[in-house]
N, C-alpha and C. Protein backbone atom coordinates (compact mmCIF):
# COMPACT_ATOMS: atom_id res chain seq x y z
N MET A 1 39.80 112.21 119.99
CA MET A 1 40.89 111.41 120.54
C MET A 1 41.90 110.89 119.39
N LYS A 2 41.39 110.83 118.17
CA LYS A 2 42.18 110.32 116.99
C LYS A 2 43.34 111.41 116.79
N ILE A 3 42.93 112.62 116.84
CA ILE A 3 43.81 113.71 116.51
C ILE A 3 45.01 113.72 117.49
N TYR A 4 44.65 113.48 118.73
CA TYR A 4 45.68 113.40 119.81
C TYR A 4 46.68 112.17 119.52
N GLY A 5 46.06 111.07 119.07
CA GLY A 5 46.99 110.03 118.81
C GLY A 5 47.80 110.18 117.54
N LYS A 6 47.47 110.99 116.56
CA LYS A 6 48.16 111.39 115.44
C LYS A 6 49.37 112.29 115.85
N ILE A 7 49.04 113.22 116.69
CA ILE A 7 50.00 114.19 117.22
C ILE A 7 51.04 113.51 117.99
N LEU A 8 50.59 112.50 118.75
CA LEU A 8 51.45 111.70 119.64
C LEU A 8 52.58 111.04 118.66
N VAL A 9 51.93 110.19 117.63
CA VAL A 9 52.70 109.50 116.65
C VAL A 9 53.81 110.44 116.00
N PHE A 10 53.21 111.50 115.50
CA PHE A 10 54.11 112.42 114.84
C PHE A 10 55.22 112.89 115.83
N ALA A 11 54.88 113.26 117.13
CA ALA A 11 55.92 113.84 118.03
C ALA A 11 57.00 112.69 118.22
N LEU A 12 56.58 111.31 118.50
CA LEU A 12 57.56 110.31 118.60
C LEU A 12 58.25 110.22 117.28
N PHE A 13 57.83 110.28 116.17
CA PHE A 13 58.37 110.23 114.96
C PHE A 13 59.57 111.21 114.77
N CYS A 14 59.28 112.41 115.15
CA CYS A 14 60.20 113.70 115.17
C CYS A 14 61.40 113.53 116.25
N MET A 15 61.00 112.84 117.35
CA MET A 15 61.90 112.50 118.36
C MET A 15 62.88 111.39 117.88
N LEU A 16 62.37 110.43 117.29
CA LEU A 16 63.29 109.43 116.78
C LEU A 16 64.18 109.89 115.67
N ILE A 17 63.71 110.76 114.88
CA ILE A 17 64.52 111.37 113.94
C ILE A 17 65.67 112.24 114.56
N PHE A 18 65.36 113.04 115.50
CA PHE A 18 66.31 113.73 116.27
C PHE A 18 67.27 112.99 117.04
N LEU A 19 66.82 111.94 117.73
CA LEU A 19 67.86 111.12 118.35
C LEU A 19 68.73 110.39 117.36
N GLY A 20 68.11 109.93 116.28
CA GLY A 20 68.84 109.31 115.20
C GLY A 20 69.90 110.22 114.68
N SER A 21 69.71 111.47 114.43
CA SER A 21 70.71 112.33 113.84
C SER A 21 71.74 112.62 114.83
N ASN A 22 71.49 112.50 116.14
CA ASN A 22 72.53 112.76 116.99
C ASN A 22 73.42 111.58 117.33
N THR A 23 73.06 110.40 116.88
CA THR A 23 73.88 109.22 117.09
C THR A 23 74.75 108.82 115.78
N GLN A 24 74.65 109.70 114.82
CA GLN A 24 75.46 109.44 113.72
C GLN A 24 76.90 109.59 113.93
N ASN A 25 77.51 108.65 113.05
CA ASN A 25 79.04 108.76 113.18
C ASN A 25 79.57 110.11 112.60
N PRO A 26 80.63 110.73 113.32
CA PRO A 26 81.33 111.88 112.67
C PRO A 26 81.86 111.63 111.25
N LYS A 27 81.71 112.66 110.41
CA LYS A 27 82.30 112.56 109.08
C LYS A 27 83.53 113.54 109.07
N VAL A 28 84.58 113.16 108.47
CA VAL A 28 85.77 113.96 108.21
C VAL A 28 86.22 114.01 106.67
N LEU A 29 86.64 115.35 106.39
CA LEU A 29 86.92 115.73 105.03
C LEU A 29 88.40 115.66 104.98
N PHE A 30 89.11 114.99 104.11
CA PHE A 30 90.44 115.09 103.84
C PHE A 30 90.60 115.96 102.60
N LYS A 31 91.17 117.15 102.60
CA LYS A 31 91.15 117.98 101.32
C LYS A 31 92.61 117.90 100.87
N THR A 32 92.75 117.05 99.66
CA THR A 32 94.16 116.72 99.32
C THR A 32 94.41 117.55 98.07
N GLU A 33 95.53 117.60 97.59
CA GLU A 33 95.95 118.34 96.32
C GLU A 33 95.29 117.42 95.14
N LEU A 34 94.94 116.24 95.31
CA LEU A 34 94.54 115.43 94.23
C LEU A 34 92.91 115.12 94.37
N GLY A 35 92.34 115.89 95.37
CA GLY A 35 90.86 115.75 95.28
C GLY A 35 90.51 115.48 96.96
N ASP A 36 89.18 115.40 96.96
CA ASP A 36 88.56 115.28 98.44
C ASP A 36 88.26 113.81 98.72
N ILE A 37 88.43 113.50 100.06
CA ILE A 37 88.11 112.10 100.50
C ILE A 37 87.23 112.46 101.78
N ILE A 38 86.21 111.77 101.83
CA ILE A 38 85.32 111.97 103.12
C ILE A 38 85.32 110.57 103.66
N VAL A 39 85.59 110.61 105.11
CA VAL A 39 85.62 109.36 105.88
C VAL A 39 84.55 109.50 107.01
N GLU A 40 83.87 108.33 107.19
CA GLU A 40 83.16 108.17 108.50
C GLU A 40 83.91 107.54 109.49
N ILE A 41 83.86 108.10 110.68
CA ILE A 41 84.72 107.60 111.86
C ILE A 41 83.71 106.91 112.79
N TYR A 42 84.21 105.66 113.00
CA TYR A 42 83.37 104.87 114.01
C TYR A 42 83.59 104.90 115.41
N GLU A 43 83.18 106.09 115.94
CA GLU A 43 83.55 106.52 117.27
C GLU A 43 83.03 105.55 118.36
N LYS A 44 81.95 104.91 118.18
CA LYS A 44 81.32 103.95 119.28
C LYS A 44 82.03 102.52 119.18
N ASP A 45 82.36 102.21 117.98
CA ASP A 45 83.10 100.84 117.87
C ASP A 45 84.52 100.88 118.20
N ALA A 46 85.19 102.03 117.95
CA ALA A 46 86.70 102.09 118.26
C ALA A 46 86.93 103.30 118.86
N PRO A 47 86.35 103.45 120.24
CA PRO A 47 86.47 104.81 120.80
C PRO A 47 87.85 105.44 121.10
N ILE A 48 88.90 104.56 121.51
CA ILE A 48 90.09 105.02 121.75
C ILE A 48 90.82 105.60 120.41
N THR A 49 90.87 104.79 119.45
CA THR A 49 91.48 105.19 118.23
C THR A 49 90.81 106.38 117.63
N ALA A 50 89.36 106.34 117.56
CA ALA A 50 88.53 107.46 117.10
C ALA A 50 88.87 108.71 117.74
N LYS A 51 88.86 108.66 119.07
CA LYS A 51 89.18 109.93 119.91
C LYS A 51 90.40 110.47 119.67
N ASN A 52 91.41 109.62 119.47
CA ASN A 52 92.77 110.03 119.19
C ASN A 52 92.78 110.81 117.78
N PHE A 53 92.24 110.22 116.81
CA PHE A 53 92.20 110.71 115.39
C PHE A 53 91.59 112.03 115.50
N LEU A 54 90.29 112.14 115.99
CA LEU A 54 89.42 113.27 116.07
C LEU A 54 90.17 114.34 116.89
N ARG A 55 90.94 114.10 117.88
CA ARG A 55 91.55 114.99 118.70
C ARG A 55 92.52 115.77 117.80
N HIS A 56 93.30 114.96 117.05
CA HIS A 56 94.40 115.41 115.99
C HIS A 56 93.69 116.37 115.00
N VAL A 57 92.42 115.99 114.61
CA VAL A 57 91.58 116.89 113.62
C VAL A 57 91.15 118.08 114.34
N ASP A 58 90.55 117.97 115.43
CA ASP A 58 89.91 119.16 116.14
C ASP A 58 90.93 120.14 116.64
N GLU A 59 92.09 119.61 116.87
CA GLU A 59 93.13 120.70 117.30
C GLU A 59 93.99 121.07 116.22
N ASN A 60 93.60 120.74 115.03
CA ASN A 60 94.29 121.16 113.85
C ASN A 60 95.77 120.60 113.86
N ARG A 61 95.90 119.44 114.42
CA ARG A 61 97.39 118.85 114.37
C ARG A 61 97.83 118.29 113.18
N TYR A 62 96.99 118.14 112.13
CA TYR A 62 97.34 117.57 110.93
C TYR A 62 97.56 118.55 109.81
N GLU A 63 97.83 119.83 110.38
CA GLU A 63 98.02 121.04 109.42
C GLU A 63 99.04 120.76 108.28
N GLU A 64 100.05 120.23 108.67
CA GLU A 64 101.13 119.92 107.57
C GLU A 64 101.28 118.33 107.28
N ALA A 65 100.05 117.65 107.21
CA ALA A 65 100.04 116.26 106.92
C ALA A 65 100.15 116.07 105.47
N CYS A 66 100.41 114.79 105.07
CA CYS A 66 100.43 114.48 103.67
C CYS A 66 100.38 112.91 103.64
N PHE A 67 100.19 112.49 102.34
CA PHE A 67 100.24 111.02 102.11
C PHE A 67 101.65 110.85 101.44
N TYR A 68 102.31 110.07 102.09
CA TYR A 68 103.76 109.77 101.70
C TYR A 68 104.19 108.31 101.27
N ARG A 69 103.40 107.28 101.61
CA ARG A 69 103.74 106.08 101.33
C ARG A 69 102.59 105.39 100.63
N VAL A 70 102.93 104.50 99.58
CA VAL A 70 101.97 103.76 98.88
C VAL A 70 102.53 102.29 98.75
N VAL A 71 101.77 101.36 99.19
CA VAL A 71 102.10 99.90 99.11
C VAL A 71 101.27 99.20 98.09
N THR A 72 101.80 98.70 97.13
CA THR A 72 101.26 97.93 95.95
C THR A 72 101.61 96.49 96.02
N ILE A 73 101.07 95.74 95.14
CA ILE A 73 101.40 94.23 95.13
C ILE A 73 102.93 94.15 94.59
N ASP A 74 103.29 95.28 93.66
CA ASP A 74 104.67 95.07 93.00
C ASP A 74 105.89 95.79 93.92
N ASN A 75 105.55 96.51 94.95
CA ASN A 75 106.67 97.21 95.70
C ASN A 75 107.01 96.67 97.02
N GLN A 76 106.60 95.37 97.17
CA GLN A 76 106.96 94.73 98.56
C GLN A 76 107.57 93.46 98.32
N PRO A 77 108.75 93.47 97.67
CA PRO A 77 109.43 92.16 97.28
C PRO A 77 109.74 91.17 98.47
N ASN A 78 110.08 91.79 99.70
CA ASN A 78 110.54 91.00 100.73
C ASN A 78 109.40 90.53 101.64
N ASN A 79 108.17 90.73 101.20
CA ASN A 79 107.05 90.44 102.13
C ASN A 79 106.25 89.20 101.54
N ASP A 80 106.20 88.16 102.25
CA ASP A 80 105.31 86.97 101.88
C ASP A 80 103.89 87.33 101.72
N VAL A 81 103.38 88.19 102.58
CA VAL A 81 102.04 88.61 102.77
C VAL A 81 101.95 90.02 102.20
N LYS A 82 101.30 90.10 101.00
CA LYS A 82 101.17 91.37 100.34
C LYS A 82 99.87 92.19 100.78
N ILE A 83 99.88 93.52 100.92
CA ILE A 83 98.85 94.38 101.21
C ILE A 83 98.88 95.46 100.21
N GLU A 84 97.78 96.22 100.21
CA GLU A 84 97.65 97.47 99.32
C GLU A 84 97.05 98.43 100.18
N VAL A 85 97.91 99.59 100.48
CA VAL A 85 97.30 100.79 101.16
C VAL A 85 97.98 102.00 100.82
N ILE A 86 97.34 103.13 101.26
CA ILE A 86 98.24 104.47 101.14
C ILE A 86 98.34 104.72 102.52
N GLN A 87 99.54 105.40 102.95
CA GLN A 87 99.82 105.80 104.28
C GLN A 87 100.01 107.44 104.31
N GLY A 88 99.54 107.99 105.43
CA GLY A 88 99.79 109.36 105.52
C GLY A 88 99.82 109.80 107.01
N GLY A 89 99.94 110.99 107.33
CA GLY A 89 100.15 111.46 108.63
C GLY A 89 101.15 112.64 108.66
N LEU A 90 101.65 112.81 109.79
CA LEU A 90 102.86 113.84 109.96
C LEU A 90 104.08 113.44 109.62
N ARG A 91 104.47 112.07 109.59
CA ARG A 91 105.64 111.41 109.23
C ARG A 91 106.85 111.85 110.04
N SER A 92 106.62 112.50 111.03
CA SER A 92 107.76 112.76 111.70
C SER A 92 107.68 112.24 113.19
N ILE A 93 108.61 111.65 113.84
CA ILE A 93 108.58 111.24 115.12
C ILE A 93 108.89 112.25 116.18
N ILE A 94 109.45 113.38 115.75
CA ILE A 94 109.77 114.50 116.68
C ILE A 94 108.93 115.64 115.93
N ASP A 95 107.75 115.75 116.53
CA ASP A 95 106.82 116.81 116.03
C ASP A 95 105.93 117.28 117.22
N GLU A 96 105.82 118.56 117.40
CA GLU A 96 105.04 118.98 118.60
C GLU A 96 103.41 118.74 118.24
N ASN A 97 102.98 118.37 117.18
CA ASN A 97 101.71 118.06 116.73
C ASN A 97 101.35 116.72 117.15
N ILE A 98 102.32 115.74 117.39
CA ILE A 98 101.94 114.44 117.55
C ILE A 98 101.67 114.13 119.12
N LEU A 99 100.45 113.51 119.30
CA LEU A 99 100.10 113.20 120.67
C LEU A 99 100.73 111.90 121.07
N PRO A 100 100.67 111.62 122.56
CA PRO A 100 101.37 110.40 122.87
C PRO A 100 100.61 109.08 122.29
N PRO A 101 101.29 107.99 122.19
CA PRO A 101 100.80 106.78 121.61
C PRO A 101 99.48 106.39 122.55
N ILE A 102 98.66 105.57 121.85
CA ILE A 102 97.42 105.09 122.39
C ILE A 102 97.44 103.53 122.52
N GLU A 103 96.49 103.12 123.36
CA GLU A 103 96.29 101.68 123.42
C GLU A 103 95.71 101.02 122.24
N HIS A 104 96.22 99.87 121.83
CA HIS A 104 95.85 99.21 120.73
C HIS A 104 94.41 98.64 120.72
N GLU A 105 93.44 98.96 119.79
CA GLU A 105 92.25 98.34 119.67
C GLU A 105 92.30 97.44 118.60
N THR A 106 92.12 96.11 118.89
CA THR A 106 92.27 95.04 117.89
C THR A 106 90.89 94.89 117.18
N THR A 107 91.00 94.39 115.94
CA THR A 107 89.66 94.15 115.28
C THR A 107 88.67 93.08 115.74
N ASP A 108 89.31 92.32 116.53
CA ASP A 108 88.50 91.29 117.09
C ASP A 108 87.46 91.92 118.20
N LYS A 109 88.01 93.09 118.73
CA LYS A 109 87.25 93.84 119.77
C LYS A 109 86.26 94.71 119.13
N THR A 110 86.67 95.56 118.07
CA THR A 110 85.90 96.52 117.55
C THR A 110 85.00 96.05 116.49
N GLY A 111 85.30 94.91 115.87
CA GLY A 111 84.52 94.28 114.78
C GLY A 111 84.67 95.01 113.39
N ILE A 112 85.56 96.08 113.38
CA ILE A 112 85.91 96.76 112.15
C ILE A 112 86.96 96.09 111.34
N LEU A 113 86.78 95.38 110.25
CA LEU A 113 87.65 94.72 109.52
C LEU A 113 88.26 95.63 108.33
N HIS A 114 89.49 95.31 108.04
CA HIS A 114 90.25 95.98 107.03
C HIS A 114 89.72 95.74 105.60
N LYS A 115 88.49 96.27 105.29
CA LYS A 115 87.90 96.21 103.96
C LYS A 115 88.38 97.26 103.04
N ASP A 116 88.02 97.21 101.85
CA ASP A 116 88.25 98.31 100.85
C ASP A 116 87.82 99.64 101.45
N GLY A 117 88.72 100.59 101.43
CA GLY A 117 88.42 102.08 101.99
C GLY A 117 88.33 102.13 103.46
N VAL A 118 88.74 101.17 104.17
CA VAL A 118 88.90 101.25 105.64
C VAL A 118 90.06 102.05 106.09
N LEU A 119 89.85 103.07 107.08
CA LEU A 119 90.85 103.88 107.48
C LEU A 119 91.39 103.21 108.91
N SER A 120 92.74 103.16 109.07
CA SER A 120 93.27 102.48 110.22
C SER A 120 94.53 103.18 110.70
N MET A 121 95.05 102.89 111.80
CA MET A 121 96.17 103.42 112.39
C MET A 121 97.50 102.66 111.92
N ALA A 122 98.55 103.29 111.60
CA ALA A 122 99.81 102.73 111.34
C ALA A 122 100.51 102.64 112.77
N ARG A 123 101.32 101.54 112.85
CA ARG A 123 102.16 101.30 114.09
C ARG A 123 103.38 100.43 113.82
N SER A 124 104.29 100.39 114.79
CA SER A 124 105.22 99.37 114.82
C SER A 124 104.85 98.48 115.75
N MET A 125 105.03 98.56 117.10
CA MET A 125 104.51 97.61 118.24
C MET A 125 103.15 97.94 118.56
N PRO A 126 102.32 97.02 119.15
CA PRO A 126 100.97 97.41 119.68
C PRO A 126 101.14 98.37 120.75
N GLY A 127 100.38 99.47 120.71
CA GLY A 127 100.37 100.52 121.56
C GLY A 127 101.40 101.70 121.28
N THR A 128 101.83 101.49 120.02
CA THR A 128 102.61 102.78 119.52
C THR A 128 101.96 103.67 118.52
N ALA A 129 100.84 103.40 118.15
CA ALA A 129 100.12 104.34 117.13
C ALA A 129 99.97 105.71 117.77
N SER A 130 99.99 106.72 117.10
CA SER A 130 99.60 107.99 117.35
C SER A 130 99.00 108.91 116.27
N SER A 131 99.78 109.33 115.33
CA SER A 131 99.35 110.24 114.32
C SER A 131 99.25 109.65 112.95
N GLU A 132 99.99 108.51 112.54
CA GLU A 132 100.02 108.01 111.25
C GLU A 132 98.85 107.08 111.01
N PHE A 133 98.32 107.02 109.73
CA PHE A 133 97.01 106.34 109.43
C PHE A 133 97.32 105.87 107.96
N PHE A 134 96.52 104.81 107.71
CA PHE A 134 96.46 104.37 106.28
C PHE A 134 95.00 104.01 105.80
N ILE A 135 94.87 103.92 104.52
CA ILE A 135 93.62 103.66 103.85
C ILE A 135 93.80 102.35 103.10
N CYS A 136 92.92 101.39 103.25
CA CYS A 136 92.99 100.08 102.67
C CYS A 136 92.57 100.32 101.13
N ILE A 137 93.23 99.66 100.21
CA ILE A 137 92.81 99.56 98.73
C ILE A 137 92.48 98.05 98.61
N GLY A 138 91.14 97.71 98.51
CA GLY A 138 90.79 96.31 98.43
C GLY A 138 90.72 95.80 99.70
N ASP A 139 90.12 94.65 100.04
CA ASP A 139 90.04 93.90 101.31
C ASP A 139 91.39 93.37 101.74
N GLN A 140 91.80 93.78 103.04
CA GLN A 140 93.16 93.48 103.52
C GLN A 140 93.01 92.55 104.76
N PRO A 141 92.49 91.52 104.67
CA PRO A 141 92.33 90.56 106.08
C PRO A 141 93.50 90.23 106.73
N GLU A 142 94.77 90.27 106.09
CA GLU A 142 95.93 90.02 106.83
C GLU A 142 96.32 91.34 107.79
N LEU A 143 95.64 92.39 107.66
CA LEU A 143 95.84 93.38 108.65
C LEU A 143 95.01 93.46 109.84
N ASP A 144 94.03 92.30 109.81
CA ASP A 144 93.02 92.10 111.03
C ASP A 144 93.79 91.36 112.10
N PHE A 145 93.13 91.34 113.18
CA PHE A 145 93.61 90.53 114.43
C PHE A 145 93.82 89.12 113.79
N GLY A 146 95.05 88.58 114.27
CA GLY A 146 95.21 87.15 113.66
C GLY A 146 95.84 87.13 112.34
N GLY A 147 95.92 88.22 111.71
CA GLY A 147 96.54 88.33 110.28
C GLY A 147 98.03 88.20 110.35
N LYS A 148 98.52 87.91 109.30
CA LYS A 148 100.05 87.51 109.21
C LYS A 148 100.99 88.61 108.75
N ARG A 149 100.47 89.72 108.62
CA ARG A 149 101.33 90.88 108.02
C ARG A 149 102.38 91.24 109.12
N ASN A 150 101.93 91.22 110.37
CA ASN A 150 102.96 91.60 111.40
C ASN A 150 103.10 90.23 112.23
N PRO A 151 104.41 89.88 112.67
CA PRO A 151 104.47 88.63 113.42
C PRO A 151 103.78 88.61 114.74
N ASP A 152 103.41 89.80 115.39
CA ASP A 152 102.70 89.71 116.77
C ASP A 152 101.21 89.29 116.43
N GLY A 153 100.79 89.29 115.29
CA GLY A 153 99.31 88.71 115.11
C GLY A 153 98.32 89.69 115.59
N GLN A 154 98.47 90.83 116.15
CA GLN A 154 97.64 91.83 116.71
C GLN A 154 96.90 92.55 115.69
N GLY A 155 97.31 92.50 114.47
CA GLY A 155 96.76 93.45 113.46
C GLY A 155 96.84 94.94 113.75
N PHE A 156 95.99 95.71 113.11
CA PHE A 156 96.04 97.21 113.10
C PHE A 156 94.61 97.63 113.69
N ALA A 157 94.65 98.91 114.09
CA ALA A 157 93.43 99.49 114.79
C ALA A 157 92.52 100.20 113.57
N ALA A 158 91.57 99.56 113.13
CA ALA A 158 90.78 100.15 112.15
C ALA A 158 89.63 100.96 112.74
N PHE A 159 89.29 102.28 112.27
CA PHE A 159 88.37 103.03 113.03
C PHE A 159 87.57 103.90 112.19
N GLY A 160 87.48 103.59 110.81
CA GLY A 160 86.75 104.48 109.81
C GLY A 160 86.63 103.86 108.54
N LYS A 161 85.85 104.62 107.62
CA LYS A 161 85.85 103.99 106.24
C LYS A 161 85.52 105.25 105.26
N VAL A 162 86.24 105.17 104.20
CA VAL A 162 85.98 106.11 103.11
C VAL A 162 84.47 106.02 102.58
N ILE A 163 83.68 107.01 102.59
CA ILE A 163 82.30 106.98 102.02
C ILE A 163 82.22 107.85 100.73
N ALA A 164 83.18 108.54 100.45
CA ALA A 164 83.27 109.37 99.11
C ALA A 164 84.70 109.64 98.95
N GLY A 165 85.22 109.56 97.61
CA GLY A 165 86.51 109.80 97.24
C GLY A 165 87.45 108.65 97.15
N ILE A 166 87.03 107.37 97.02
CA ILE A 166 87.76 106.24 96.89
C ILE A 166 88.66 106.34 95.59
N ASP A 167 88.07 107.07 94.60
CA ASP A 167 88.78 107.28 93.40
C ASP A 167 89.91 108.06 93.54
N VAL A 168 90.00 109.03 94.63
CA VAL A 168 91.14 109.89 95.02
C VAL A 168 92.21 108.98 95.71
N VAL A 169 91.79 108.19 96.60
CA VAL A 169 92.58 107.10 97.14
C VAL A 169 93.41 106.27 96.13
N ARG A 170 92.67 105.75 95.19
CA ARG A 170 93.35 104.98 94.12
C ARG A 170 94.31 105.80 93.29
N LYS A 171 93.94 107.00 93.02
CA LYS A 171 94.83 107.97 92.30
C LYS A 171 96.18 108.29 93.15
N ILE A 172 96.01 108.33 94.44
CA ILE A 172 97.19 108.61 95.20
C ILE A 172 98.10 107.32 95.15
N GLN A 173 97.52 106.19 95.22
CA GLN A 173 98.38 105.00 95.11
C GLN A 173 99.10 104.83 93.91
N GLN A 174 98.60 105.46 92.79
CA GLN A 174 99.19 105.26 91.41
C GLN A 174 100.29 106.33 91.11
N GLN A 175 100.57 107.28 92.13
CA GLN A 175 101.58 108.28 91.93
C GLN A 175 102.90 107.58 91.88
N PRO A 176 103.84 108.17 91.26
CA PRO A 176 105.30 107.76 91.11
C PRO A 176 106.00 107.62 92.46
N ALA A 177 106.58 106.45 92.76
CA ALA A 177 107.24 106.14 94.01
C ALA A 177 108.54 105.61 93.64
N ASP A 178 109.36 105.74 94.84
CA ASP A 178 110.70 105.15 94.74
C ASP A 178 110.56 104.16 95.97
N GLY A 179 110.44 102.83 95.37
CA GLY A 179 110.02 101.82 96.57
C GLY A 179 108.57 102.08 96.95
N GLN A 180 108.30 102.30 98.27
CA GLN A 180 106.96 102.60 98.71
C GLN A 180 106.83 104.03 99.13
N MET A 181 107.89 104.82 98.99
CA MET A 181 107.74 106.21 99.43
C MET A 181 107.55 107.00 98.03
N LEU A 182 106.49 107.99 98.09
CA LEU A 182 106.14 108.65 97.11
C LEU A 182 107.13 109.67 96.69
N ILE A 183 107.56 109.81 95.44
CA ILE A 183 108.63 110.79 95.03
C ILE A 183 108.24 112.17 95.38
N SER A 184 106.92 112.51 95.14
CA SER A 184 106.30 113.72 95.60
C SER A 184 105.11 113.38 96.43
N LYS A 185 105.37 113.93 97.75
CA LYS A 185 104.32 113.54 98.66
C LYS A 185 102.95 114.32 98.20
N VAL A 186 101.81 113.69 98.53
CA VAL A 186 100.44 114.32 98.18
C VAL A 186 100.12 115.06 99.45
N ILE A 187 100.07 116.44 99.45
CA ILE A 187 99.74 117.21 100.31
C ILE A 187 98.27 117.19 100.77
N ILE A 188 98.08 117.11 102.17
CA ILE A 188 96.69 117.15 102.63
C ILE A 188 96.55 118.66 103.06
N HIS A 189 95.78 119.36 102.35
CA HIS A 189 95.70 120.82 102.85
C HIS A 189 94.87 121.13 104.11
N ASN A 190 94.00 120.11 104.47
CA ASN A 190 93.33 120.16 105.68
C ASN A 190 92.53 118.86 105.97
N ILE A 191 92.22 118.57 107.20
CA ILE A 191 91.39 117.48 107.56
C ILE A 191 90.49 118.10 108.62
N ILE A 192 89.23 118.21 108.28
CA ILE A 192 88.17 118.85 109.17
C ILE A 192 86.95 118.01 109.19
N ARG A 193 86.23 118.13 110.40
CA ARG A 193 84.84 117.55 110.52
C ARG A 193 83.90 118.16 109.58
N VAL A 194 83.06 117.42 108.95
CA VAL A 194 82.06 117.99 107.98
C VAL A 194 80.61 117.63 108.65
N LYS A 195 80.45 116.72 109.73
CA LYS A 195 79.22 116.49 110.17
C LYS A 195 79.42 115.91 111.60
């Protein structure tokens, strides 16, 4: 009887490991000319935003993407509320690779706050995000719901976090810029799922 109990416990243990491995968040690799960045995508917490981003990735829509904007404390003289991010994407409003805009998922609903290394969607008005994204450098609470960076107070839709390559993110932010626009865009060779 003891042997059967041990087999049952072992089988349950294996099943839990299997189930646990199937519920992990997807990981995405940004292969840039300055190095690799790996991001964990919070598919369950921000389903609309994550699905949109992963669709861009899976359909190879980010084929000609780049990081093109860097926001530092020193290059936002007209903003009372300062932030630090790098922004990337397709950068074109007329591009066949851009999918239609998605519903805005606020941080008060997802629980994903704009902490150091968090990946979020760029937008103008709520509900206009599609292909452009940014990565936070340091904690950026003014980008959360109720934050003062945008007058509408809706914040931005965070949906992932850098788990490797934050040094590459910081290196991109330090590239020469004219205002907030990089003088030489940082090419993203590919964005692919790695797990």
